[in-house]
Amino acid sequence: MKALPAEELFLIERKNNRKTKLLLVGLHNWSGENRPTDKDIDQTPIIEQGVMHINSIKHIGGEILGLKLLEEDNLKPHLQFEAGYLIDGFENIGKLPAHDYEKYSRRTTYGLNSIRLKAEKHFVKNS
């Protein structure tokens, strides 16, 4: 993986030609005891996707390990809908008829601890 400062990540939302601090994040279907390498997450699908503030990473004690382009694994952001529009990453594709809403997941904005809770939901076994 290529190490980059968070500000240079390529899926940072832009509004009015200004970068915001919102990232499009995806939770891979991977778990392990050590930090993942690019080989660990090779070809692993995204099971949760949403938008979160960059401070969420620090809030849960995480860090940005690097950048691995989705295209390297033939992955793409999930198409989602928000406020009646179909969204691809941060690109607004256009108006989505209400009868097509069920075909896509709703764009979710995660709170500071949401990604940790989603990971625990998928990977932590409750006794």
Protein backbone atom coordinates (compact mmCIF):
# COMPACT_ATOMS: atom_id res chain seq x y z
CA MET A 1 0.00 0.00 0.00
CA LYS A 2 1.14 3.52 -0.72
CA ALA A 3 1.32 5.77 2.35
CA LEU A 4 -0.32 9.16 1.88
CA PRO A 5 -1.40 11.98 4.16
CA ALA A 6 -5.15 11.88 4.75
CA GLU A 7 -5.62 15.15 2.87
CA GLU A 8 -4.38 13.46 -0.31
CA LEU A 9 -6.81 10.54 -0.24
CA PHE A 10 -8.73 10.52 -3.46
CA LEU A 11 -12.26 9.95 -2.22
CA ILE A 12 -12.50 13.12 -0.16
CA GLU A 13 -15.72 14.95 -0.91
CA ARG A 14 -15.55 18.30 -2.66
CA LYS A 15 -18.16 21.00 -2.18
CA ASN A 16 -18.01 24.27 -4.08
CA ASN A 17 -14.54 23.27 -5.36
CA ARG A 18 -13.25 22.97 -1.77
CA LYS A 19 -12.18 19.75 -0.11
CA THR A 20 -14.22 18.84 2.94
CA LYS A 21 -13.14 16.43 5.63
CA LEU A 22 -15.67 13.77 4.66
CA LEU A 23 -14.36 10.48 3.30
CA LEU A 24 -16.12 7.70 1.47
CA VAL A 25 -15.22 4.63 3.50
CA GLY A 26 -15.78 0.95 3.01
CA LEU A 27 -15.46 -1.93 5.43
CA HIS A 28 -13.80 -4.91 3.76
CA ASN A 29 -14.92 -8.46 4.49
CA TRP A 30 -11.61 -9.11 6.26
CA SER A 31 -10.48 -9.47 9.84
CA GLY A 32 -7.20 -10.40 11.47
CA GLU A 33 -5.06 -9.87 14.52
CA ASN A 34 -2.52 -7.65 12.72
CA ARG A 35 -2.95 -4.55 10.61
CA PRO A 36 -3.97 -5.49 7.08
CA THR A 37 -1.56 -5.43 4.19
CA ASP A 38 -2.57 -4.85 0.60
CA LYS A 39 -2.32 -8.62 0.07
CA ASP A 40 -4.65 -9.29 3.03
CA ILE A 41 -7.44 -7.24 1.51
CA ASP A 42 -6.75 -8.32 -2.07
CA GLN A 43 -10.06 -9.12 -3.76
CA THR A 44 -12.08 -8.80 -0.52
CA PRO A 45 -15.45 -7.18 -1.14
CA ILE A 46 -16.77 -4.09 0.62
CA ILE A 47 -19.59 -5.08 2.98
CA GLU A 48 -20.46 -1.66 4.43
CA GLN A 49 -20.05 1.75 2.82
CA GLY A 50 -20.73 5.27 4.00
CA VAL A 51 -19.38 8.75 4.50
CA MET A 52 -17.55 9.76 7.65
CA HIS A 53 -15.51 12.65 8.98
CA ILE A 54 -11.77 12.10 8.86
CA ASN A 55 -11.59 12.67 12.66
CA SER A 56 -13.49 9.39 13.12
CA ILE A 57 -10.31 7.48 12.30
CA LYS A 58 -8.38 9.07 15.17
CA HIS A 59 -11.42 8.91 17.48
CA ILE A 60 -11.46 5.09 17.39
CA GLY A 61 -7.67 4.80 17.65
CA GLY A 62 -7.22 3.93 13.99
CA GLU A 63 -4.83 5.24 11.41
CA ILE A 64 -4.57 5.50 7.68
CA LEU A 65 -2.16 2.78 6.64
CA GLY A 66 -1.99 3.75 3.00
CA LEU A 67 -3.97 3.90 -0.19
CA LYS A 68 -5.02 0.98 -2.32
CA LEU A 69 -7.10 1.87 -5.32
CA LEU A 70 -10.34 -0.08 -5.61
CA GLU A 71 -9.54 -0.71 -9.27
CA GLU A 72 -6.57 -2.87 -8.21
CA ASP A 73 -9.12 -5.41 -6.96
CA ASN A 74 -11.72 -4.75 -9.64
CA LEU A 75 -13.91 -3.09 -7.00
CA LYS A 76 -16.04 0.03 -7.31
CA PRO A 77 -17.90 2.09 -4.73
CA HIS A 78 -21.43 0.82 -4.23
CA LEU A 79 -24.03 2.89 -6.00
CA GLN A 80 -26.20 4.55 -3.36
CA PHE A 81 -29.05 7.01 -3.27
CA GLU A 82 -29.37 10.20 -1.30
CA ALA A 83 -32.13 12.80 -1.39
CA GLY A 84 -33.59 11.27 -4.54
CA TYR A 85 -30.32 11.11 -6.47
CA LEU A 86 -28.11 8.17 -7.48
CA ILE A 87 -24.57 8.64 -6.16
CA ASP A 88 -21.38 6.90 -7.38
CA GLY A 89 -18.66 7.65 -4.83
CA PHE A 90 -19.16 11.42 -4.54
CA GLU A 91 -20.44 11.85 -8.09
CA ASN A 92 -24.11 12.66 -8.50
CA ILE A 93 -25.29 10.54 -11.45
CA GLY A 94 -28.78 12.03 -11.60
CA LYS A 95 -32.33 11.86 -10.31
CA LEU A 96 -33.47 8.41 -9.18
CA PRO A 97 -37.15 7.52 -9.51
CA ALA A 98 -38.66 6.55 -6.15
CA HIS A 99 -39.63 3.10 -7.48
CA ASP A 100 -35.89 2.37 -7.95
CA TYR A 101 -34.87 3.22 -4.36
CA GLU A 102 -35.05 -0.44 -3.31
CA LYS A 103 -32.30 -1.34 -5.82
CA TYR A 104 -29.67 0.68 -3.94
CA SER A 105 -28.60 1.31 -0.38
CA ARG A 106 -29.23 4.70 1.18
CA ARG A 107 -26.13 6.90 1.55
CA THR A 108 -25.27 6.89 5.25
CA THR A 109 -23.17 9.41 7.14
CA TYR A 110 -21.38 7.61 9.95
CA GLY A 111 -20.89 9.09 13.39
CA LEU A 112 -17.51 9.09 15.13
CA ASN A 113 -17.77 5.49 16.38
CA SER A 114 -19.96 3.99 13.64
CA ILE A 115 -17.29 2.18 11.62
CA ARG A 116 -16.04 0.41 14.76
CA LEU A 117 -19.61 -0.67 15.61
CA LYS A 118 -20.13 -1.96 12.07
CA ALA A 119 -16.87 -3.93 12.22
CA GLU A 120 -17.85 -5.41 15.58
CA LYS A 121 -21.27 -6.37 14.18
CA HIS A 122 -19.62 -8.34 11.39
CA PHE A 123 -16.53 -9.77 13.08
CA VAL A 124 -16.91 -9.98 16.89
CA LYS A 125 -18.66 -13.04 18.21
CA ASN A 126 -20.77 -12.42 21.30
CA SER A 127 -20.64 -15.16 23.89
